[in-house]
Amino acid sequence: MGQLSWFAAPCLFAQCYIYRLVYIFFSRSTPFWKAYDISFTDKRDPLTASYVATFELIKRFHTILAALRQDDSHLTDEETQKALLDEII
């Protein structure tokens, strides 16, 4: 693999390492920085952009769960639970 250095490190390893250092720095800092999420906008923006689709999925599964609650025997049925999980995934 050759001599290990920051510039010769595999990309994924180096990226994970630097993010871990940033996390440690923030976690040992003041309460404001301890609760600060460095990737908040990276997580918020896709969720905001997919709001309509996310809301439709929530409504769909709420309907499925409401139908299952009407007949309690299906809630413990392993095949029904597996089918619901497959549908969610």
Protein backbone atom coordinates (compact mmCIF):
# COMPACT_ATOMS: atom_id res chain seq x y z
CA MET A 1 0.00 0.00 0.00
CA GLY A 2 2.98 2.29 0.37
CA GLN A 3 3.67 4.92 2.97
CA LEU A 4 0.54 6.10 4.73
CA SER A 5 -0.13 9.81 4.74
CA TRP A 6 -3.14 12.09 4.62
CA PHE A 7 -2.81 12.58 0.87
CA ALA A 8 -2.21 8.88 0.12
CA ALA A 9 -5.06 7.58 2.29
CA PRO A 10 -8.10 5.93 0.70
CA CYS A 11 -10.78 8.59 0.16
CA LEU A 12 -13.54 6.98 2.24
CA PHE A 13 -11.19 6.34 5.17
CA ALA A 14 -9.87 9.91 5.11
CA GLN A 15 -13.37 11.38 4.89
CA CYS A 16 -14.66 9.26 7.79
CA TYR A 17 -11.59 10.15 9.84
CA ILE A 18 -11.97 13.91 9.33
CA TYR A 19 -15.72 13.79 10.08
CA ARG A 20 -14.95 11.89 13.28
CA LEU A 21 -12.46 14.57 14.32
CA VAL A 22 -15.01 17.30 13.59
CA TYR A 23 -17.63 15.39 15.60
CA ILE A 24 -15.26 15.04 18.58
CA PHE A 25 -14.42 18.74 18.42
CA PHE A 26 -18.09 19.76 18.46
CA SER A 27 -19.10 17.22 21.11
CA ARG A 28 -16.53 18.60 23.57
CA SER A 29 -17.39 22.22 22.92
CA THR A 30 -20.00 24.62 24.30
CA PRO A 31 -23.67 23.55 24.52
CA PHE A 32 -24.50 25.48 21.33
CA TRP A 33 -21.86 23.70 19.28
CA LYS A 34 -22.56 20.37 20.97
CA ALA A 35 -26.13 20.43 19.60
CA TYR A 36 -25.10 21.88 16.23
CA ASP A 37 -25.69 19.55 13.27
CA ILE A 38 -23.01 20.18 10.66
CA SER A 39 -24.99 18.42 7.94
CA PHE A 40 -28.44 19.80 8.82
CA THR A 41 -28.97 21.49 5.45
CA ASP A 42 -27.76 18.37 3.63
CA LYS A 43 -30.50 16.42 5.39
CA ARG A 44 -33.20 19.10 5.39
CA ASP A 45 -33.04 20.07 1.71
CA PRO A 46 -33.78 16.61 0.23
CA LEU A 47 -36.55 16.06 2.77
CA THR A 48 -38.09 19.42 1.92
CA ALA A 49 -37.80 18.71 -1.80
CA SER A 50 -39.53 15.35 -1.39
CA TYR A 51 -42.24 16.64 0.97
CA VAL A 52 -45.17 15.69 -1.28
CA ALA A 53 -43.92 12.13 -1.84
CA THR A 54 -43.09 11.69 1.85
CA PHE A 55 -46.52 12.94 2.88
CA GLU A 56 -48.23 10.57 0.42
CA LEU A 57 -46.28 7.61 1.86
CA ILE A 58 -47.26 8.60 5.38
CA LYS A 59 -50.94 8.81 4.40
CA ARG A 60 -50.75 5.44 2.62
CA PHE A 61 -49.25 3.61 5.58
CA HIS A 62 -51.59 5.33 8.00
CA THR A 63 -54.46 3.89 5.96
CA ILE A 64 -52.88 0.42 5.99
CA LEU A 65 -52.30 0.53 9.75
CA ALA A 66 -55.85 1.75 10.39
CA ALA A 67 -57.20 -1.19 8.37
CA LEU A 68 -55.01 -3.63 10.29
CA ARG A 69 -56.17 -2.21 13.63
CA GLN A 70 -59.78 -3.04 12.75
CA ASP A 71 -58.88 -6.73 12.74
CA ASP A 72 -56.42 -7.26 15.63
CA SER A 73 -55.64 -10.83 14.56
CA HIS A 74 -53.63 -9.49 11.60
CA LEU A 75 -51.37 -7.41 13.84
CA THR A 76 -49.73 -10.53 15.26
CA ASP A 77 -49.75 -12.46 11.98
CA GLU A 78 -46.10 -12.82 10.94
CA GLU A 79 -46.88 -12.94 7.22
CA THR A 80 -48.86 -9.69 7.45
CA GLN A 81 -46.05 -7.98 9.35
CA LYS A 82 -43.48 -9.17 6.80
CA ALA A 83 -45.65 -7.98 3.89
CA LEU A 84 -46.07 -4.56 5.52
CA LEU A 85 -42.32 -4.30 6.12
CA ASP A 86 -41.61 -5.26 2.50
CA GLU A 87 -44.10 -2.61 1.36
CA ILE A 88 -42.44 0.06 3.50
CA ILE A 89 -38.96 -0.81 2.28
